[in-house]
Structures are given as C-alpha cells and as structure tokens.
Protein backbone atom coordinates (compact mmCIF):
# COMPACT_ATOMS: atom_id res chain seq x y z
CA MET A 1 16.32 -30.21 37.84
CA SER A 2 19.45 -28.22 37.18
CA THR A 3 22.88 -30.07 37.61
CA PRO A 4 25.89 -28.32 39.83
CA THR A 5 27.69 -28.20 36.39
CA GLU A 6 24.74 -25.79 34.93
CA THR A 7 23.73 -23.58 37.94
CA ALA A 8 27.77 -22.96 38.02
CA ASP A 9 27.86 -22.30 34.30
CA ARG A 10 25.20 -19.80 34.73
CA ALA A 11 26.82 -17.95 37.97
CA ALA A 12 29.57 -17.64 35.30
CA GLY A 13 27.33 -16.52 32.47
CA THR A 14 28.60 -19.25 30.31
CA VAL A 15 25.46 -21.12 29.46
CA GLU A 16 24.33 -20.22 25.90
CA ARG A 17 21.35 -18.27 25.55
CA THR A 18 18.95 -18.48 22.54
CA SER A 19 18.80 -14.99 20.70
CA ASN A 20 16.29 -13.54 18.74
CA THR A 21 16.64 -13.22 14.67
CA PHE A 22 15.40 -10.86 12.35
CA LEU A 23 14.06 -12.86 10.43
CA GLY A 24 12.42 -15.02 13.00
CA ASP A 25 10.79 -11.68 14.36
CA LEU A 26 9.51 -10.59 11.02
CA TRP A 27 7.71 -14.17 10.58
CA VAL A 28 6.01 -13.89 14.22
CA ASN A 29 4.54 -10.67 13.64
CA TYR A 30 3.81 -11.58 9.71
CA LYS A 31 1.96 -14.70 11.25
CA ARG A 32 0.39 -12.90 13.92
CA TRP A 33 -1.10 -9.95 11.89
CA ASN A 34 -2.43 -12.55 9.27
CA LEU A 35 -3.99 -14.37 11.99
CA LYS A 36 -5.28 -11.39 13.05
CA ALA A 37 -6.89 -10.27 9.74
CA VAL A 38 -8.66 -14.03 9.60
CA ARG A 39 -10.36 -13.59 12.85
CA ASN A 40 -12.01 -10.24 11.81
CA PRO A 41 -12.16 -9.98 7.92
CA PHE A 42 -14.66 -6.76 8.46
CA VAL A 43 -11.69 -4.40 7.43
CA LEU A 44 -10.92 -6.76 4.72
CA VAL A 45 -14.53 -6.86 3.23
CA VAL A 46 -14.90 -2.88 3.84
CA SER A 47 -11.43 -1.66 1.88
CA LEU A 48 -12.40 -4.26 -1.08
CA VAL A 49 -16.42 -3.36 -1.66
CA GLN A 50 -15.66 0.06 -2.10
CA PRO A 51 -13.27 0.14 -4.77
CA VAL A 52 -15.57 -2.76 -6.36
CA ILE A 53 -18.43 0.24 -6.25
CA PHE A 54 -16.51 2.37 -7.50
CA LEU A 55 -15.19 0.11 -10.28
CA VAL A 56 -19.01 -0.26 -11.41
CA LEU A 57 -20.42 2.91 -11.13
CA PHE A 58 -17.43 5.03 -12.54
CA THR A 59 -17.88 2.65 -15.63
CA GLN A 60 -21.53 2.78 -16.09
CA VAL A 61 -22.06 6.31 -15.29
CA PHE A 62 -18.80 7.92 -16.72
CA GLY A 63 -17.89 5.50 -19.10
CA GLY A 64 -20.01 6.97 -22.06
CA VAL A 65 -19.02 10.31 -21.09
CA VAL A 66 -15.07 9.85 -20.87
CA GLU A 67 -14.78 7.10 -23.76
CA GLY A 68 -15.08 10.75 -26.03
CA THR A 69 -11.82 12.26 -24.64
CA LEU A 70 -10.20 8.39 -24.21
CA ARG A 71 -10.31 8.19 -28.51
CA GLY A 72 -7.71 10.85 -28.62
CA PRO A 73 -4.98 10.52 -25.95
CA ALA A 74 -5.60 7.04 -25.23
CA GLY A 75 -5.82 5.50 -28.37
CA GLY A 76 -9.17 4.66 -28.65
CA ILE A 77 -9.44 2.43 -25.24
CA ASN A 78 -12.43 1.32 -23.77
CA TYR A 79 -12.98 2.76 -20.27
CA GLU A 80 -13.22 -0.07 -18.25
CA THR A 81 -9.78 -0.57 -19.51
CA TYR A 82 -8.73 2.68 -18.62
CA LEU A 83 -10.24 2.82 -15.43
CA ALA A 84 -8.72 -0.67 -13.61
CA PRO A 85 -5.45 0.47 -12.96
CA ALA A 86 -6.98 3.22 -11.40
CA ILE A 87 -9.05 1.04 -8.81
CA ALA A 88 -6.50 -1.29 -8.45
CA VAL A 89 -4.38 1.84 -6.78
CA GLN A 90 -7.39 2.87 -5.47
CA VAL A 91 -7.77 -0.74 -3.16
CA ALA A 92 -4.02 -0.13 -2.37
CA ILE A 93 -4.73 2.95 -0.60
CA ALA A 94 -8.32 1.86 0.98
CA ALA A 95 -6.18 -1.38 2.52
CA ALA A 96 -3.39 0.78 3.30
CA VAL A 97 -4.99 3.09 5.22
CA THR A 98 -6.61 0.94 8.09
CA SER A 99 -2.84 -0.26 8.93
CA GLY A 100 -2.69 1.96 11.28
CA ILE A 101 -5.90 0.59 13.22
CA GLY A 102 -4.41 -2.53 14.07
CA LEU A 103 -1.44 -0.90 15.74
CA VAL A 104 -3.61 1.80 17.80
CA ASN A 105 -5.83 -1.54 18.75
CA ASP A 106 -2.26 -3.06 19.86
CA ILE A 107 -1.83 0.23 21.68
CA GLU A 108 -5.29 0.23 23.46
CA ASN A 109 -5.13 -4.02 24.79
CA GLY A 110 -1.33 -3.40 26.28
CA MET A 111 -0.10 -5.47 23.39
CA PHE A 112 2.21 -2.68 21.85
CA GLU A 113 3.62 -2.08 25.45
CA LYS A 114 4.24 -5.74 25.49
CA VAL A 115 6.41 -5.40 22.22
CA LEU A 116 8.16 -2.54 23.28
CA VAL A 117 9.34 -4.04 26.21
CA SER A 118 10.11 -7.62 24.66
CA PRO A 119 13.67 -8.19 22.45
CA MET A 120 12.38 -8.10 19.34
CA ASN A 121 13.80 -5.59 16.66
CA ARG A 122 11.38 -2.77 15.98
CA THR A 123 12.26 -3.25 12.18
CA ALA A 124 11.16 -6.55 12.06
CA VAL A 125 8.13 -6.08 13.63
CA PHE A 126 6.85 -3.06 11.41
CA LEU A 127 8.34 -5.07 8.36
CA GLY A 128 6.45 -8.49 9.30
CA LYS A 129 3.13 -6.16 9.73
CA THR A 130 2.92 -4.18 6.52
CA LEU A 131 3.99 -7.62 4.63
CA ALA A 132 0.90 -9.59 6.08
CA GLU A 133 -0.96 -6.59 4.92
CA VAL A 134 0.79 -6.61 1.07
CA THR A 135 -0.32 -9.81 1.02
CA ARG A 136 -3.58 -9.71 1.54
CA ILE A 137 -3.72 -5.92 -0.69
CA ALA A 138 -2.23 -8.06 -3.47
CA ALA A 139 -4.67 -10.53 -3.25
CA GLN A 140 -7.36 -7.59 -3.04
CA ILE A 141 -5.88 -6.30 -6.55
CA GLY A 142 -5.79 -10.01 -8.31
CA ILE A 143 -9.76 -9.53 -7.72
CA ILE A 144 -10.08 -6.12 -8.55
CA LEU A 145 -8.50 -7.26 -12.05
CA VAL A 146 -10.23 -10.55 -13.05
CA LEU A 147 -13.40 -8.56 -11.63
CA SER A 148 -12.21 -5.91 -14.58
CA VAL A 149 -11.44 -8.17 -17.24
CA ALA A 150 -15.05 -9.34 -16.37
CA LEU A 151 -16.21 -6.29 -17.40
CA GLY A 152 -14.79 -5.76 -20.52
CA ALA A 153 -11.09 -4.67 -19.53
CA GLU A 154 -8.30 -5.78 -21.61
CA ILE A 155 -4.81 -6.36 -20.22
CA ALA A 156 -2.29 -6.21 -23.19
CA THR A 157 0.28 -7.88 -21.25
CA GLY A 158 -1.40 -10.39 -20.11
CA ILE A 159 -0.85 -12.43 -16.78
CA PRO A 160 2.46 -10.91 -16.19
CA GLY A 161 1.35 -7.59 -16.72
CA ALA A 162 -1.54 -8.27 -14.36
CA LEU A 163 1.28 -9.42 -11.62
CA GLY A 164 2.73 -6.19 -12.45
CA ILE A 165 0.23 -4.19 -11.71
CA VAL A 166 -0.54 -5.90 -8.52
CA ALA A 167 3.20 -5.13 -7.77
CA VAL A 168 2.78 -1.54 -7.99
CA GLY A 169 -0.15 -1.59 -6.37
CA VAL A 170 1.83 -3.15 -3.61
CA LEU A 171 4.85 -0.48 -4.02
CA PHE A 172 2.47 2.27 -3.53
CA SER A 173 0.77 0.90 -0.71
CA LEU A 174 4.19 0.57 1.64
CA SER A 175 3.85 4.62 1.66
CA PHE A 176 0.44 4.27 2.63
CA ALA A 177 0.79 1.74 5.19
CA ALA A 178 3.20 3.42 6.82
CA PHE A 179 2.23 6.82 6.86
CA SER A 180 -1.17 5.11 8.90
CA ASN A 181 1.33 3.28 10.81
CA SER A 182 3.19 6.79 11.92
CA LEU A 183 -0.19 8.04 12.47
CA ALA A 184 -1.27 5.37 14.76
CA VAL A 185 1.76 6.16 17.22
CA LEU A 186 1.47 9.51 17.32
CA THR A 187 -2.08 10.10 17.93
CA ARG A 188 -2.53 6.71 19.46
CA ASP A 189 -6.34 6.91 18.79
CA GLN A 190 -8.31 5.29 16.02
CA GLU A 191 -10.64 8.04 14.76
CA SER A 192 -7.80 10.55 14.40
CA THR A 193 -6.17 7.81 12.84
CA ILE A 194 -8.80 6.94 9.92
CA ILE A 195 -9.28 10.60 9.63
CA GLY A 196 -5.91 11.81 9.17
CA ALA A 197 -5.71 8.89 6.37
CA ASN A 198 -8.68 9.26 4.72
CA LEU A 199 -8.27 13.36 4.55
CA LEU A 200 -5.88 12.62 1.57
CA GLN A 201 -6.81 9.23 0.21
CA PHE A 202 -10.01 10.45 -2.04
CA PRO A 203 -8.25 14.40 -2.73
CA LEU A 204 -5.03 12.43 -4.08
CA LEU A 205 -7.22 10.11 -6.17
CA PHE A 206 -9.44 12.68 -7.47
CA LEU A 207 -6.52 15.24 -8.31
CA SER A 208 -4.62 12.24 -10.63
CA SER A 209 -4.74 10.68 -13.73
CA ALA A 210 -6.82 8.32 -11.96
CA PHE A 211 -10.42 8.42 -13.35
CA ILE A 212 -10.09 11.22 -16.20
CA PRO A 213 -7.01 12.09 -18.29
CA LEU A 214 -5.18 15.22 -17.26
CA GLU A 215 -5.54 16.65 -20.91
CA ALA A 216 -9.13 16.96 -20.02
CA LEU A 217 -8.73 18.59 -16.63
CA PRO A 218 -7.96 21.97 -15.87
CA GLY A 219 -4.42 23.13 -15.26
CA TRP A 220 -4.23 23.76 -11.73
CA ILE A 221 -4.86 20.32 -11.38
CA GLN A 222 -2.45 18.90 -13.78
CA THR A 223 0.02 20.65 -12.08
CA PHE A 224 -1.17 19.31 -8.85
CA ALA A 225 -0.82 15.79 -10.00
CA ALA A 226 2.93 15.92 -11.99
CA VAL A 227 3.95 15.90 -7.67
CA ASN A 228 0.64 13.58 -7.04
CA PRO A 229 2.38 10.09 -5.90
CA VAL A 230 -0.91 8.80 -6.90
CA THR A 231 -0.46 9.78 -10.29
CA TYR A 232 2.40 7.51 -10.77
CA ALA A 233 1.61 4.90 -9.20
CA VAL A 234 -1.75 4.92 -11.83
CA ASP A 235 0.32 5.33 -14.68
CA ALA A 236 2.64 2.98 -13.81
CA ALA A 237 0.11 0.48 -13.77
CA ARG A 238 -1.55 1.80 -16.69
CA ALA A 239 1.21 1.77 -19.03
CA ILE A 240 1.83 -1.75 -17.96
CA MET A 241 -1.90 -2.41 -18.83
CA LEU A 242 -1.59 -1.02 -22.34
CA ASP A 243 1.74 -1.80 -23.25
CA ARG A 244 2.33 1.77 -23.73
CA ASP A 245 3.92 4.88 -22.50
CA VAL A 246 1.03 6.78 -20.93
CA ILE A 247 2.88 9.29 -18.50
CA THR A 248 2.38 13.06 -18.93
CA VAL A 249 3.61 14.58 -16.04
CA LEU A 250 7.13 14.31 -16.65
CA ASP A 251 9.70 13.46 -19.56
CA VAL A 252 13.24 11.03 -18.91
CA PRO A 253 15.75 10.90 -21.62
CA GLY A 254 16.89 7.35 -22.80
CA LEU A 255 13.93 5.68 -22.15
CA GLU A 256 11.26 4.99 -24.64
CA GLY A 257 7.84 2.97 -24.43
CA THR A 258 6.54 1.45 -21.43
CA ALA A 259 9.59 1.87 -19.80
CA HIS A 260 9.04 5.42 -20.02
CA THR A 261 6.23 5.17 -17.94
CA VAL A 262 7.19 2.60 -15.31
CA VAL A 263 10.62 2.97 -14.97
CA PRO A 264 10.70 6.64 -13.31
CA ALA A 265 6.76 6.25 -11.59
CA VAL A 266 8.84 3.19 -9.84
CA ALA A 267 11.45 4.89 -8.86
CA ILE A 268 9.46 7.93 -7.39
CA LEU A 269 7.68 5.18 -5.65
CA THR A 270 10.25 3.40 -4.41
CA ALA A 271 11.70 6.13 -3.14
CA LEU A 272 8.51 7.81 -1.37
CA ALA A 273 8.09 4.14 0.14
CA LEU A 274 11.70 4.13 1.85
CA VAL A 275 11.24 7.94 3.46
CA LEU A 276 8.19 6.96 4.83
CA GLY A 277 8.95 3.72 6.01
CA ALA A 278 12.17 5.15 8.10
CA VAL A 279 9.58 7.57 9.70
CA ALA A 280 7.43 4.91 10.84
CA VAL A 281 10.29 2.99 11.92
CA PHE A 282 12.02 5.62 13.66
CA LEU A 283 8.58 6.71 15.43
CA LEU A 284 8.34 3.20 16.48
CA SER A 285 11.71 3.10 17.84
CA ARG A 286 11.35 6.18 20.00
CA ALA A 287 8.02 4.84 21.51
CA SER A 288 8.18 4.18 24.90
CA SER A 289 5.61 2.04 27.32
CA SER A 290 5.19 5.47 29.01
CA GLU A 291 3.85 7.30 25.58
CA VAL A 292 1.43 3.98 25.09
CA GLN A 293 -0.58 3.73 28.13
C-alpha cells in the first residue's frame, strides 16, 4: 500500500521509473529466440541436413571430375578441401533464410503486435533476434568443418583458420537474415517468405565460385560471379582454408597473399550486411500494429 508521500510523488511525476535499456532489450530478445529454437529444433536440423547431403554427394559424385580442374588454378588440392568453404557458406544461407519464418510466426500469433506496442528499442529487437540466429549458425558451420576434415579436407591455417571461416560465414549470414526478415514484414506470410528467400539461394550458390573454379565456367557466369556476394564469401573462406590468394573477380593494389582475398571480400560483405540490416530495421520501425493484424 502506497504511503501519502509516494502518492504525492506520483501525482507530481517525481517517482523514478525503471526504463528499458538497449542492452537489456537486446538480451531479452536474444534469450527468447534461443529458447524458441531449443523448443522447436526441426528447422535447425533441416538447415544443417541439406548442406551435409551436398557435402557428401558432391565429394563423391563430382570429386573425381573437378579435381582435374583443381590441379591447375587451385594448386593440386583435393575436392574436399576446395568444397568445405562453399558448404560452410551454404550452411549460413540455409539457416539465415529461415530467419523470417520465426518473425511471421510472431505476427500470426500476435506476439509481434505486443512487441510493437512495447517500449523496447526496435533495433535491439532485431539485433537480439539476429544474434541468436548467428550463434546457431556458427555452431552449424563448426559441425560442417569437423565433418569436412573427417572426409579428408585440410585447413592450412589450423584452428585460427577454422574460426576465421566461421566468422566469414556468420558475417555473410547477416545479409540473408536481414533480407528474410524484410520479406517477413512485407509479406506477413510464411510461404511467401520461404519462396522469396529460396528463390535467390540456389542461383546465387551455383552462379559463383562455390562448387567449381570460375575458370572452368562459361564467361557469362564469371561476369555474374563478379557481383555475386556468395563469390566473395566463398573466396574469403577458401583463402583462409588454403592460406593463399584465390580471388579472381577483382584486384586490389597494395594487398598480397591471403589478405588480397579476405580484406576486400570482408569489406563488401560488411557493407552489404549494413545496408540490408538498415532496411530490415527501417521496415520494423515503420510497422504498426494495424499492419500485422
């Protein structure tokens, strides 16, 4: 029961109230989305199974054919080593494109409307959700790298290199997660979100340096690969994997060796993540409860 003094203070507006903090909002959303993933692991399993199938099938079906090509530009490495960075990036895409599905679920069950009318910072809401997802993506990429090594792949840079590949995959996943969440806000429909995200996933993968060296592909694919973000993600991961310069779509003066691939690739992926992330936050900020009912 309030004392007369507390009542007077409330009337005068002098009672100190606890306000939300950016970090507090971020942490709440980070925990919530991790708990949702633990309670529904189906999406996590599916997003990991597909790349594992690709890893096993591609090495068995295409390994003998592609290794002949690898003896030239790639310096005689085995196909398992060449493919592992591509599968790591594929894991990042496969997991990131499902990001919007969780948001659509929130919209359908009314949770998103509650978030909109709450005092939580919209940027913290998006970042908390994204951080929870990239934590899981990092774990999945780690599993792929362990499996790749078991199949015969070699990471020339050792454990630091493996962590670097995970970091590249996580950075790349931010763009697709932002894109998927933007689709979720715009469409507010699970099927549309999934179709829109998957519509880009496989064309971007196959029209890049992911599975076959660009030198062995038609000229028009090499042209498209120069503006394909998957190319930069795969090349950065592959450069770390092999500890050598592998990029063929651009040349940056003043950089040599592994840095000649990694530095520009990371810069491009960072810029893309910032742009698409800003779009996602903007759409979340513009959303109103009437739009999601």
